[in-house]
Amino acid sequence: MASSAAAQLQSSLSFQLSELRVLKLGSASQSKAGGRSSCARGRPRNPSTAGKYLPPQATETSSRLASSTVELPPQEIPGSYGPPFIGLAVDKLNYFVVQGRDEFFLSLMQRYKSTVIRVNMPPGPPLFPDSRTIMLLDQKSIRVLFDTSKVEKKDVFAGTYMPSTDFTGGFRVLPYLDPSEPKHAPLKDFCFKILQSNGRKFLPEFHTAFDEGASEWDAQLDAKGEAEFTSVCQNFTLSFLCRAILDADPSAPGSASLRDEGPSLIQAWIAAQLAPQASLGLPKPVEALLHTIPLPFSLVSNQYNKVYQFFYTNGHHLLDIAEQEFGLDRAEACHNLLFFVCFNTWGGLQLFLPAIFQRIASAGVSFQKELAQEVRSAVGEGDEVTMKALQSMKLVHSTVYEVLRMDPPVPFQYGRAKDDMIVESHDAAYKVRKGELLGCYQKIAMRDPKVFEAPQTFKPKRFMGAEGERLLQNVTWSNGPETEEPTLSNKQCAGKDFVNLMARLLIAEIYLRYDFFKLGKVEQHGARSSFGFKVLKRRRDV
């Protein structure tokens, strides 16, 4: 095999992914977490969250103890799985219908006065594997999930079950592999290589794709007085990814063209895999059925095959690299490439980018003017976004991290205990037995009141300055702390820095074109939201 692409990322002097890693707040002074990062010192909890479970209010002393090595007497984990089938049915009813995902976990935390809880996670028996899970809901306990010496990551990417490999050409793709498996390292190295070899195209291709999307929004506003966000975002992000990575426009004419169907084809394929454990915004009776039975690949085989053919036809240069540098089977490499681009990246952006617009809009026009001023000052007269300009946008950086904290695009992570062990929360130590499944819900874990001041409040300047740098170790959406990097031996997202870059580019492009925006009514469809723009105020000084 050729020299590791992961090593090239750090050594090459040309534009590549390693440069993206510079885009951390004050990266030169950042402290790197050695091994597993200990939890940061806490802050007082927000009084507005009264009525919800919160661990005891952090103090200077209690925070030091929470992150120290003081041994706590181990105890049994609170919670109950209930009688077979009945307990699962009750938990699923509360999770999907009665309470919803967030309140489901918060109510259990309140009932058991604990952030480590036994609970049934969907979908569960009889047609799916064991639903029994230990959920970790604070910043200290979730660290065990990032330590592959303690947990196995095999086949737990989607939680308690794994969709049929029919959805991925008969292969177990990278997210379902444990680092100990032989294919993990070459496949992840291939992902690094994809990003590294296309780095120079990210900024110009994103600018082109965003300009196309924004022109569509402007046209809709002129014609109808409102612009629809979702479909335009889906199209311009897919166009960007395919042009930047495959050198091909998905809608351009050709035998393998996706025409204007690309987003709908990919959505159908993703939805069929996640339907058993996700809320898709469908009528309740329909969703209740979907949470009970696995959907066959045949329902979306035509859609997937079209997308696969597009990737196989246009990704030949990358597939050559997969074969020649990493010894991968060409078909296996293509299915992994498709999954990396369409499921992990494009699918994640459809959750993350709407959240950016919603959170920024909620902060008001005055905050948007601050962002616009920083972006324009950093970019200068040329109006061309550069890596150097992005690096200087401290408020933009902090805003992105705060959206990731509030609305993580990857809300769950899982791992199976390799041996009997003790897992510690801030306040207690718990016995975990070999083979038990552990999971975390990042949306609650990253709102830990012992770590974050006013954890339920969107504070876009939270990660600025020395205190903000320290808090970055608790931004853990990527299956690891923000202060650590993805490697061949861990399960941290290979595209962690790429996702951050896309978010920063989006904000920069917005405020180079517009002074501010206002949203219309936001509608929630399961985990996804849809909305339109009521106002997109064009920049006045151009």
Protein backbone atom coordinates (compact mmCIF):
# COMPACT_ATOMS: atom_id res chain seq x y z
CA MET A 1 0.00 0.00 0.00
CA ALA A 2 1.18 3.53 -0.70
CA SER A 3 2.07 5.82 2.18
CA SER A 4 -0.91 6.62 4.36
CA ALA A 5 -3.19 9.38 3.09
CA ALA A 6 -3.79 10.30 6.71
CA ALA A 7 -0.10 11.11 7.08
CA GLN A 8 -0.14 13.07 3.84
CA LEU A 9 -2.92 15.23 5.24
CA GLN A 10 -0.58 16.46 7.94
CA SER A 11 2.62 16.77 5.90
CA SER A 12 1.62 18.19 2.55
CA LEU A 13 2.27 21.92 2.07
CA SER A 14 -0.42 22.34 -0.58
CA PHE A 15 -4.06 23.04 0.11
CA GLN A 16 -5.53 19.92 1.66
CA LEU A 17 -7.58 18.79 4.58
CA SER A 18 -4.87 19.41 7.12
CA GLU A 19 -5.27 23.14 6.44
CA LEU A 20 -8.89 22.87 7.43
CA ARG A 21 -7.82 21.69 10.85
CA VAL A 22 -6.16 25.03 11.39
CA LEU A 23 -9.61 26.57 11.49
CA LYS A 24 -10.09 26.16 15.22
CA LEU A 25 -10.50 29.06 17.58
CA GLY A 26 -6.99 30.22 18.38
CA SER A 27 -5.67 26.90 17.15
CA ALA A 28 -2.09 27.80 17.90
CA SER A 29 -2.86 27.98 21.61
CA GLN A 30 -5.34 25.13 21.80
CA SER A 31 -4.57 22.32 24.18
CA LYS A 32 -4.90 18.88 22.70
CA ALA A 33 -6.59 16.19 24.70
CA GLY A 34 -4.17 13.40 25.50
CA GLY A 35 -5.96 10.07 25.22
CA ARG A 36 -9.48 10.51 26.60
CA SER A 37 -10.28 14.10 27.51
CA SER A 38 -11.53 14.70 31.01
CA CYS A 39 -14.65 16.78 31.44
CA ALA A 40 -14.37 20.51 31.62
CA ARG A 41 -15.09 22.48 34.73
CA GLY A 42 -18.76 23.30 35.02
CA ARG A 43 -20.89 26.41 35.13
CA PRO A 44 -24.09 27.27 36.98
CA ARG A 45 -27.17 25.87 35.34
CA ASN A 46 -29.73 28.04 33.63
CA PRO A 47 -32.74 28.91 35.83
CA SER A 48 -34.98 28.83 32.74
CA THR A 49 -34.59 25.05 32.60
CA ALA A 50 -36.42 24.56 35.90
CA GLY A 51 -38.70 21.55 35.85
CA LYS A 52 -36.28 19.50 33.76
CA TYR A 53 -33.77 17.17 35.32
CA LEU A 54 -30.38 18.81 35.84
CA PRO A 55 -27.51 17.37 37.85
CA PRO A 56 -26.67 19.29 41.05
CA GLN A 57 -25.45 22.79 40.32
CA ALA A 58 -21.74 22.88 39.61
CA THR A 59 -19.38 24.81 41.85
CA GLU A 60 -15.64 25.41 41.67
CA THR A 61 -15.08 22.48 44.01
CA SER A 62 -17.65 20.07 42.61
CA SER A 63 -16.41 20.68 39.08
CA ARG A 64 -12.85 19.77 40.01
CA LEU A 65 -14.11 16.61 41.67
CA ALA A 66 -16.25 15.75 38.64
CA SER A 67 -13.20 15.67 36.39
CA SER A 68 -10.79 14.21 38.92
CA THR A 69 -9.72 10.64 39.52
CA VAL A 70 -11.62 10.31 42.82
CA GLU A 71 -13.04 6.79 42.93
CA LEU A 72 -16.77 6.48 43.47
CA PRO A 73 -18.37 3.28 44.80
CA PRO A 74 -19.86 1.41 41.81
CA GLN A 75 -23.60 0.88 41.78
CA GLU A 76 -26.18 -0.72 39.52
CA ILE A 77 -27.48 1.38 36.65
CA PRO A 78 -31.00 2.77 37.29
CA GLY A 79 -33.85 2.18 34.88
CA SER A 80 -35.81 -0.80 33.67
CA TYR A 81 -36.38 -2.65 30.43
CA GLY A 82 -39.76 -3.87 31.67
CA PRO A 83 -41.41 -7.18 30.78
CA PRO A 84 -40.45 -8.63 27.38
CA PHE A 85 -42.22 -6.86 24.50
CA ILE A 86 -44.42 -4.82 26.87
CA GLY A 87 -41.55 -2.72 28.16
CA LEU A 88 -40.33 -2.10 24.63
CA ALA A 89 -43.82 -1.18 23.43
CA VAL A 90 -44.25 1.36 26.23
CA ASP A 91 -40.84 2.92 25.61
CA LYS A 92 -41.47 3.17 21.85
CA LEU A 93 -44.88 4.75 22.45
CA ASN A 94 -43.35 7.40 24.70
CA TYR A 95 -40.33 7.91 22.44
CA PHE A 96 -42.26 8.41 19.20
CA VAL A 97 -45.76 9.54 20.16
CA VAL A 98 -46.49 10.61 23.73
CA GLN A 99 -43.34 12.51 24.69
CA GLY A 100 -41.03 12.72 21.72
CA ARG A 101 -37.31 12.01 21.72
CA ASP A 102 -36.01 14.84 23.92
CA GLU A 103 -38.69 14.71 26.59
CA PHE A 104 -38.45 10.92 26.67
CA PHE A 105 -34.84 11.07 27.88
CA LEU A 106 -35.34 14.10 30.10
CA SER A 107 -38.26 12.46 31.90
CA LEU A 108 -36.18 9.33 32.58
CA MET A 109 -33.36 11.49 33.92
CA GLN A 110 -35.85 13.16 36.23
CA ARG A 111 -37.39 9.88 37.36
CA TYR A 112 -34.12 8.15 38.17
CA LYS A 113 -32.07 11.24 39.13
CA SER A 114 -29.32 9.96 36.87
CA THR A 115 -27.68 10.67 33.53
CA VAL A 116 -26.87 6.97 33.01
CA ILE A 117 -30.03 4.96 32.44
CA ARG A 118 -31.20 1.57 31.21
CA VAL A 119 -33.85 1.90 28.50
CA ASN A 120 -35.21 0.18 25.40
CA MET A 121 -34.10 1.85 22.18
CA PRO A 122 -36.09 1.32 18.98
CA PRO A 123 -36.80 -0.67 16.93
CA GLY A 124 -36.35 -3.91 18.93
CA PRO A 125 -37.81 -7.45 18.81
CA PRO A 126 -39.36 -9.51 17.40
CA LEU A 127 -38.02 -8.56 13.96
CA PHE A 128 -34.99 -6.57 15.13
CA PRO A 129 -32.17 -7.31 17.60
CA ASP A 130 -32.18 -6.75 21.36
CA SER A 131 -33.39 -3.24 22.26
CA ARG A 132 -31.78 -3.11 25.73
CA THR A 133 -29.39 -0.17 25.91
CA ILE A 134 -27.53 1.83 28.55
CA MET A 135 -27.91 5.49 27.56
CA LEU A 136 -25.21 7.97 28.60
CA LEU A 137 -26.48 11.54 28.83
CA ASP A 138 -23.67 13.65 30.28
CA GLN A 139 -20.26 14.79 29.10
CA LYS A 140 -18.28 12.62 31.48
CA SER A 141 -19.93 9.24 30.89
CA ILE A 142 -20.01 9.49 27.07
CA ARG A 143 -16.21 9.50 26.91
CA VAL A 144 -16.18 5.73 27.14
CA LEU A 145 -17.83 5.57 23.70
CA PHE A 146 -14.80 7.22 22.11
CA ASP A 147 -12.36 4.72 23.64
CA THR A 148 -12.10 1.76 21.29
CA SER A 149 -10.04 -0.16 23.84
CA LYS A 150 -13.21 -0.34 25.96
CA VAL A 151 -16.04 -0.53 23.42
CA GLU A 152 -16.50 -2.34 20.14
CA LYS A 153 -17.98 -0.33 17.27
CA LYS A 154 -18.94 -3.23 15.02
CA ASP A 155 -22.38 -2.87 13.40
CA VAL A 156 -23.64 -0.21 15.84
CA PHE A 157 -23.56 2.85 13.54
CA ALA A 158 -27.38 2.92 13.35
CA GLY A 159 -27.91 1.81 16.94
CA THR A 160 -29.44 -1.43 18.08
CA TYR A 161 -29.74 -2.83 14.56
CA MET A 162 -27.92 -2.76 11.25
CA PRO A 163 -29.80 -2.37 7.95
CA SER A 164 -29.31 -5.12 5.40
CA THR A 165 -26.08 -4.92 3.41
CA ASP A 166 -28.30 -5.05 0.34
CA PHE A 167 -28.55 -1.26 0.78
CA THR A 168 -24.78 -0.99 0.23
CA GLY A 169 -24.08 -3.49 -2.52
CA GLY A 170 -23.63 -6.43 -0.17
CA PHE A 171 -20.75 -4.77 1.69
CA ARG A 172 -20.45 -3.62 5.29
CA VAL A 173 -19.40 -0.04 4.69
CA LEU A 174 -16.91 1.86 6.84
CA PRO A 175 -19.28 3.28 9.52
CA TYR A 176 -20.27 -0.26 10.52
CA LEU A 177 -16.69 -1.51 10.90
CA ASP A 178 -14.74 -1.65 14.15
CA PRO A 179 -11.17 -0.29 13.93
CA SER A 180 -9.87 -3.78 14.68
CA GLU A 181 -11.30 -5.12 11.40
CA PRO A 182 -8.82 -5.36 8.48
CA LYS A 183 -10.89 -3.25 6.08
CA HIS A 184 -11.32 -0.32 8.47
CA ALA A 185 -7.92 1.31 7.99
CA PRO A 186 -7.76 1.23 4.16
CA LEU A 187 -11.35 2.41 3.82
CA LYS A 188 -10.87 5.31 6.23
CA ASP A 189 -7.57 6.16 4.59
CA PHE A 190 -9.47 6.24 1.29
CA CYS A 191 -11.87 8.77 2.82
CA PHE A 192 -8.94 10.93 3.90
CA LYS A 193 -7.53 10.68 0.38
CA ILE A 194 -10.84 11.75 -1.17
CA LEU A 195 -10.82 14.92 0.90
CA GLN A 196 -7.11 15.61 0.54
CA SER A 197 -7.01 15.17 -3.24
CA ASN A 198 -9.96 17.50 -3.83
CA GLY A 199 -9.15 20.19 -1.28
CA ARG A 200 -8.34 22.91 -3.79
CA LYS A 201 -11.82 22.69 -5.29
CA PHE A 202 -13.87 23.08 -2.12
CA LEU A 203 -13.96 26.87 -1.88
CA PRO A 204 -14.57 27.75 -5.56
CA GLU A 205 -17.08 24.95 -6.11
CA PHE A 206 -19.01 25.87 -2.98
CA HIS A 207 -19.14 29.50 -4.12
CA THR A 208 -20.51 28.46 -7.52
CA ALA A 209 -23.12 26.11 -6.06
CA PHE A 210 -24.24 28.60 -3.41
CA ASP A 211 -24.54 31.35 -6.01
CA GLU A 212 -26.85 29.12 -8.05
CA GLY A 213 -28.98 28.35 -4.99
CA ALA A 214 -29.13 31.96 -3.84
CA SER A 215 -30.13 33.09 -7.35
CA GLU A 216 -33.04 30.67 -7.15
CA TRP A 217 -34.06 32.07 -3.76
CA ASP A 218 -33.90 35.62 -5.13
CA ALA A 219 -36.04 34.67 -8.12
CA GLN A 220 -38.66 33.00 -5.90
CA LEU A 221 -38.80 36.03 -3.61
CA ASP A 222 -39.28 38.36 -6.55
CA ALA A 223 -42.01 36.17 -8.02
CA LYS A 224 -43.88 34.98 -4.92
CA GLY A 225 -42.70 37.06 -1.97
CA GLU A 226 -41.25 33.98 -0.26
CA ALA A 227 -38.44 31.57 -1.10
CA GLU A 228 -38.48 27.86 -0.25
CA PHE A 229 -35.33 26.70 1.52
CA THR A 230 -35.28 22.90 1.58
CA SER A 231 -35.27 21.81 -2.08
CA VAL A 232 -32.84 24.57 -3.08
CA CYS A 233 -30.46 23.57 -0.26
CA GLN A 234 -30.69 19.91 -1.26
CA ASN A 235 -29.85 20.71 -4.87
CA PHE A 236 -26.98 23.11 -4.35
CA THR A 237 -25.28 20.94 -1.70
CA LEU A 238 -25.47 17.84 -3.91
CA SER A 239 -24.18 19.80 -6.88
CA PHE A 240 -21.28 21.09 -4.80
CA LEU A 241 -20.29 17.67 -3.45
CA CYS A 242 -20.44 15.95 -6.83
CA ARG A 243 -18.55 18.70 -8.65
CA ALA A 244 -15.88 18.99 -5.96
CA ILE A 245 -15.34 15.25 -5.42
CA LEU A 246 -16.35 13.60 -8.71
CA ASP A 247 -15.74 16.49 -11.14
CA ALA A 248 -19.25 15.85 -12.40
CA ASP A 249 -22.53 17.76 -12.24
CA PRO A 250 -25.32 15.36 -11.17
CA SER A 251 -27.89 17.11 -13.35
CA ALA A 252 -25.74 17.47 -16.48
CA PRO A 253 -26.80 15.44 -19.53
CA GLY A 254 -25.26 12.01 -19.92
CA SER A 255 -26.01 8.31 -19.74
CA ALA A 256 -25.59 8.23 -15.96
CA SER A 257 -27.12 11.65 -15.25
CA LEU A 258 -29.34 11.99 -12.18
CA ARG A 259 -31.06 14.95 -13.86
CA ASP A 260 -33.11 16.75 -11.19
CA GLU A 261 -33.88 13.53 -9.28
CA GLY A 262 -30.67 13.27 -7.26
CA PRO A 263 -31.95 14.50 -3.88
CA SER A 264 -35.17 12.47 -4.03
CA LEU A 265 -33.31 9.30 -5.01
CA ILE A 266 -30.85 9.65 -2.15
CA GLN A 267 -33.56 10.57 0.36
CA ALA A 268 -35.56 7.46 -0.46
CA TRP A 269 -32.50 5.24 0.03
CA ILE A 270 -31.56 6.87 3.35
CA ALA A 271 -35.14 6.83 4.66
CA ALA A 272 -35.58 3.11 3.98
CA GLN A 273 -32.54 2.36 6.15
CA LEU A 274 -33.48 4.64 9.04
CA ALA A 275 -37.25 4.15 9.03
CA PRO A 276 -37.27 1.51 11.81
CA GLN A 277 -35.73 3.85 14.38
CA ALA A 278 -36.29 7.40 13.13
CA SER A 279 -39.26 9.72 13.01
CA LEU A 280 -39.79 10.71 9.39
CA GLY A 281 -42.73 13.07 9.88
CA LEU A 282 -45.22 10.62 8.37
CA PRO A 283 -48.72 9.94 9.78
CA LYS A 284 -48.48 8.19 13.16
CA PRO A 285 -50.09 4.88 12.06
CA VAL A 286 -47.67 4.64 9.13
CA GLU A 287 -44.67 5.36 11.31
CA ALA A 288 -45.84 2.85 13.92
CA LEU A 289 -45.74 0.18 11.21
CA LEU A 290 -42.33 1.28 9.95
CA HIS A 291 -40.91 1.03 13.48
CA THR A 292 -41.95 -2.62 13.59
CA ILE A 293 -40.68 -4.16 10.36
CA PRO A 294 -37.45 -3.85 8.35
CA LEU A 295 -38.02 -2.38 4.91
CA PRO A 296 -36.61 -4.45 2.03
CA PHE A 297 -34.00 -2.96 -0.26
CA SER A 298 -36.20 -3.82 -3.23
CA LEU A 299 -38.36 -0.78 -2.41
CA VAL A 300 -35.50 1.56 -3.28
CA SER A 301 -33.25 -0.61 -5.46
CA ASN A 302 -34.01 1.37 -8.63
CA GLN A 303 -33.22 4.65 -6.90
CA TYR A 304 -29.98 3.37 -5.42
CA ASN A 305 -28.80 1.77 -8.63
CA LYS A 306 -29.18 5.09 -10.48
CA VAL A 307 -27.08 6.87 -7.88
CA TYR A 308 -24.50 4.06 -7.85
CA GLN A 309 -24.19 4.17 -11.64
CA PHE A 310 -23.55 7.91 -11.49
CA PHE A 311 -20.80 7.43 -8.92
CA TYR A 312 -19.24 4.46 -10.69
CA THR A 313 -19.22 6.29 -14.03
CA ASN A 314 -17.88 9.59 -12.77
CA GLY A 315 -15.71 8.44 -9.87
CA HIS A 316 -13.30 6.31 -11.89
CA HIS A 317 -10.27 8.41 -10.91
CA LEU A 318 -11.03 7.89 -7.22
CA LEU A 319 -11.77 4.20 -7.72
CA ASP A 320 -8.39 3.85 -9.44
CA ILE A 321 -6.79 5.29 -6.29
CA ALA A 322 -8.80 2.89 -4.11
CA GLU A 323 -7.51 -0.08 -6.09
CA GLN A 324 -3.94 1.01 -6.65
CA GLU A 325 -3.09 2.75 -3.35
CA PHE A 326 -5.30 0.94 -0.85
CA GLY A 327 -5.87 -2.47 -2.41
CA LEU A 328 -9.64 -2.14 -2.28
CA ASP A 329 -12.15 -3.91 -4.47
CA ARG A 330 -13.47 -1.40 -7.00
CA ALA A 331 -17.14 -2.09 -6.33
CA GLU A 332 -16.63 -2.02 -2.56
CA ALA A 333 -14.79 1.29 -2.87
CA CYS A 334 -17.62 2.76 -4.95
CA HIS A 335 -20.32 1.74 -2.46
CA ASN A 336 -18.24 3.30 0.33
CA LEU A 337 -17.65 6.45 -1.71
CA LEU A 338 -21.39 6.76 -2.31
CA PHE A 339 -22.18 6.21 1.36
CA PHE A 340 -19.55 8.74 2.45
CA VAL A 341 -20.82 11.45 0.08
CA CYS A 342 -24.56 10.81 0.10
CA PHE A 343 -25.41 9.35 3.51
CA ASN A 344 -22.77 10.77 5.81
CA THR A 345 -22.07 14.14 4.20
CA TRP A 346 -25.07 15.18 2.12
CA GLY A 347 -27.56 13.60 4.55
CA GLY A 348 -25.87 15.25 7.53
CA LEU A 349 -25.86 18.65 5.82
CA GLN A 350 -29.63 18.46 5.34
CA LEU A 351 -29.94 18.44 9.13
CA PHE A 352 -27.11 20.83 9.90
CA LEU A 353 -27.54 23.66 7.37
CA PRO A 354 -31.23 24.31 8.20
CA ALA A 355 -30.23 24.44 11.88
CA ILE A 356 -27.64 27.12 11.08
CA PHE A 357 -30.24 29.35 9.43
CA GLN A 358 -32.76 28.78 12.22
CA ARG A 359 -30.32 29.48 15.05
CA ILE A 360 -28.87 32.58 13.41
CA ALA A 361 -32.36 33.93 12.67
CA SER A 362 -33.34 33.36 16.31
CA ALA A 363 -30.44 35.58 17.43
CA GLY A 364 -31.91 38.59 15.64
CA VAL A 365 -30.90 41.05 12.94
CA SER A 366 -28.35 42.83 15.13
CA PHE A 367 -26.38 39.63 15.51
CA GLN A 368 -26.55 39.06 11.77
CA LYS A 369 -25.02 42.49 11.26
CA GLU A 370 -22.12 41.44 13.50
CA LEU A 371 -21.57 38.35 11.36
CA ALA A 372 -21.76 40.41 8.17
CA GLN A 373 -19.24 42.90 9.47
CA GLU A 374 -16.77 40.18 10.45
CA VAL A 375 -17.12 38.32 7.15
CA ARG A 376 -16.71 41.42 4.99
CA SER A 377 -13.81 42.72 7.02
CA ALA A 378 -12.01 39.38 6.74
CA VAL A 379 -12.65 38.96 3.02
CA GLY A 380 -11.82 42.53 2.03
CA GLU A 381 -12.54 44.20 -1.28
CA GLY A 382 -12.11 41.15 -3.47
CA ASP A 383 -15.23 39.43 -2.11
CA GLU A 384 -13.48 36.08 -2.54
CA VAL A 385 -13.43 33.75 0.45
CA THR A 386 -10.00 32.33 1.19
CA MET A 387 -8.73 29.95 3.83
CA LYS A 388 -6.86 32.83 5.46
CA ALA A 389 -10.05 34.89 5.61
CA LEU A 390 -12.03 31.98 7.10
CA GLN A 391 -9.35 31.44 9.72
CA SER A 392 -9.78 35.00 10.99
CA MET A 393 -13.59 34.78 11.39
CA LYS A 394 -13.72 34.04 15.12
CA LEU A 395 -17.43 34.82 15.54
CA VAL A 396 -18.30 32.64 12.55
CA HIS A 397 -16.23 29.79 14.01
CA SER A 398 -17.91 30.09 17.39
CA THR A 399 -21.38 30.25 15.84
CA VAL A 400 -20.79 27.01 13.95
CA TYR A 401 -19.61 25.21 17.07
CA GLU A 402 -22.61 26.44 19.01
CA VAL A 403 -25.02 25.17 16.35
CA LEU A 404 -23.20 21.82 16.40
CA ARG A 405 -23.63 21.77 20.19
CA MET A 406 -27.33 22.64 20.10
CA ASP A 407 -28.32 20.65 17.01
CA PRO A 408 -25.78 17.89 16.32
CA PRO A 409 -26.19 16.40 12.82
CA VAL A 410 -25.16 13.03 14.27
CA PRO A 411 -27.33 12.80 17.40
CA PHE A 412 -26.50 9.25 18.51
CA GLN A 413 -23.38 7.13 18.99
CA TYR A 414 -23.12 3.56 20.23
CA GLY A 415 -20.58 0.98 21.36
CA ARG A 416 -20.62 -2.48 22.95
CA ALA A 417 -18.64 -3.11 26.14
CA LYS A 418 -15.63 -5.31 25.49
CA ASP A 419 -15.32 -6.33 29.16
CA ASP A 420 -16.93 -5.70 32.52
CA MET A 421 -16.10 -2.12 33.45
CA ILE A 422 -17.08 0.94 35.45
CA VAL A 423 -18.58 4.00 33.74
CA GLU A 424 -18.57 7.26 35.67
CA SER A 425 -20.96 10.18 35.38
CA HIS A 426 -20.31 13.44 37.25
CA ASP A 427 -21.99 12.07 40.37
CA ALA A 428 -21.78 8.28 40.36
CA ALA A 429 -20.01 5.17 39.08
CA TYR A 430 -21.94 2.35 37.41
CA LYS A 431 -21.30 -1.29 36.67
CA VAL A 432 -21.39 -2.24 32.98
CA ARG A 433 -21.15 -5.86 31.95
CA LYS A 434 -19.33 -7.29 28.96
CA GLY A 435 -21.50 -7.30 25.83
CA GLU A 436 -23.93 -4.60 26.99
CA LEU A 437 -24.78 -1.92 24.45
CA LEU A 438 -24.05 1.67 25.41
CA GLY A 439 -25.35 4.71 23.57
CA CYS A 440 -25.38 8.48 23.92
CA TYR A 441 -27.83 11.15 22.82
CA GLN A 442 -25.61 14.07 21.94
CA LYS A 443 -28.36 16.68 22.00
CA ILE A 444 -28.64 16.22 25.77
CA ALA A 445 -25.01 15.32 26.49
CA MET A 446 -23.83 18.54 24.82
CA ARG A 447 -26.23 20.54 26.97
CA ASP A 448 -24.66 19.28 30.17
CA PRO A 449 -25.20 22.03 32.80
CA LYS A 450 -22.08 20.94 34.64
CA VAL A 451 -20.05 21.92 31.60
CA PHE A 452 -21.99 24.65 29.79
CA GLU A 453 -23.43 27.82 31.29
CA ALA A 454 -27.09 28.33 30.24
CA PRO A 455 -26.91 25.05 28.28
CA GLN A 456 -30.37 25.37 26.69
CA THR A 457 -29.61 28.84 25.33
CA PHE A 458 -28.07 29.52 21.93
CA LYS A 459 -25.00 31.65 22.68
CA PRO A 460 -23.09 32.14 19.44
CA LYS A 461 -20.09 33.72 21.20
CA ARG A 462 -19.74 30.81 23.63
CA PHE A 463 -16.62 29.40 22.00
CA MET A 464 -14.67 32.63 21.65
CA GLY A 465 -11.58 33.40 23.72
CA ALA A 466 -9.63 31.18 26.11
CA GLU A 467 -12.75 29.89 27.87
CA GLY A 468 -14.29 29.01 24.51
CA GLU A 469 -11.18 27.09 23.48
CA ARG A 470 -11.40 25.04 26.68
CA LEU A 471 -15.03 24.20 26.03
CA LEU A 472 -14.32 22.78 22.57
CA GLN A 473 -13.34 19.44 24.12
CA ASN A 474 -17.04 19.06 24.97
CA VAL A 475 -18.26 19.46 21.39
CA THR A 476 -18.50 15.75 20.66
CA TRP A 477 -20.99 15.36 17.77
CA SER A 478 -18.35 13.70 15.55
CA ASN A 479 -17.90 10.59 17.72
CA GLY A 480 -15.09 12.28 19.60
CA PRO A 481 -14.03 15.64 21.06
CA GLU A 482 -13.56 18.59 18.73
CA THR A 483 -10.02 18.93 20.12
CA GLU A 484 -9.05 15.51 18.80
CA GLU A 485 -8.63 14.34 15.22
CA PRO A 486 -9.97 11.38 13.24
CA THR A 487 -7.36 8.66 12.76
CA LEU A 488 -7.23 5.20 11.26
CA SER A 489 -7.53 3.68 14.73
CA ASN A 490 -10.57 5.57 16.01
CA LYS A 491 -14.17 6.07 14.91
CA GLN A 492 -14.23 9.85 14.81
CA CYS A 493 -15.87 11.15 11.65
CA ALA A 494 -13.34 11.35 8.81
CA GLY A 495 -15.10 14.46 7.47
CA LYS A 496 -15.36 16.31 10.80
CA ASP A 497 -13.29 19.29 9.65
CA PHE A 498 -14.89 19.24 6.21
CA VAL A 499 -18.36 19.67 7.73
CA ASN A 500 -17.10 22.58 9.83
CA LEU A 501 -15.59 24.15 6.73
CA MET A 502 -18.86 23.87 4.79
CA ALA A 503 -20.75 25.58 7.59
CA ARG A 504 -18.26 28.44 7.77
CA LEU A 505 -18.30 28.83 4.01
CA LEU A 506 -22.10 28.96 4.06
CA ILE A 507 -22.16 31.77 6.61
CA ALA A 508 -19.46 33.68 4.74
CA GLU A 509 -21.29 33.37 1.43
CA ILE A 510 -24.59 34.45 3.01
CA TYR A 511 -23.21 37.71 4.34
CA LEU A 512 -21.19 38.53 1.27
CA ARG A 513 -24.50 38.51 -0.60
CA TYR A 514 -27.08 39.58 2.00
CA ASP A 515 -27.25 41.99 4.93
CA PHE A 516 -29.70 39.78 6.82
CA PHE A 517 -32.55 37.29 6.39
CA LYS A 518 -35.81 36.44 8.08
CA LEU A 519 -37.55 33.08 8.04
CA GLY A 520 -41.19 32.20 7.58
CA LYS A 521 -42.98 29.52 9.54
CA VAL A 522 -40.78 26.57 10.50
CA GLU A 523 -42.44 23.15 10.22
CA GLN A 524 -40.97 20.03 11.77
CA HIS A 525 -41.08 16.70 9.92
CA GLY A 526 -39.54 14.20 12.28
CA ALA A 527 -35.87 15.14 12.67
CA ARG A 528 -36.04 17.47 9.67
CA SER A 529 -37.42 20.97 9.45
CA SER A 530 -38.72 22.96 6.50
CA PHE A 531 -39.17 26.69 6.12
CA GLY A 532 -38.96 29.54 3.68
CA PHE A 533 -37.37 32.96 3.59
CA LYS A 534 -39.66 35.93 4.15
CA VAL A 535 -36.78 38.35 3.71
CA LEU A 536 -33.38 38.09 2.04
CA LYS A 537 -32.07 41.64 2.24
CA ARG A 538 -29.50 42.10 -0.52
CA ARG A 539 -26.24 43.71 0.48
CA ARG A 540 -26.47 47.48 0.20
CA ASP A 541 -22.85 48.34 -0.52
CA VAL A 542 -22.48 46.38 -3.75
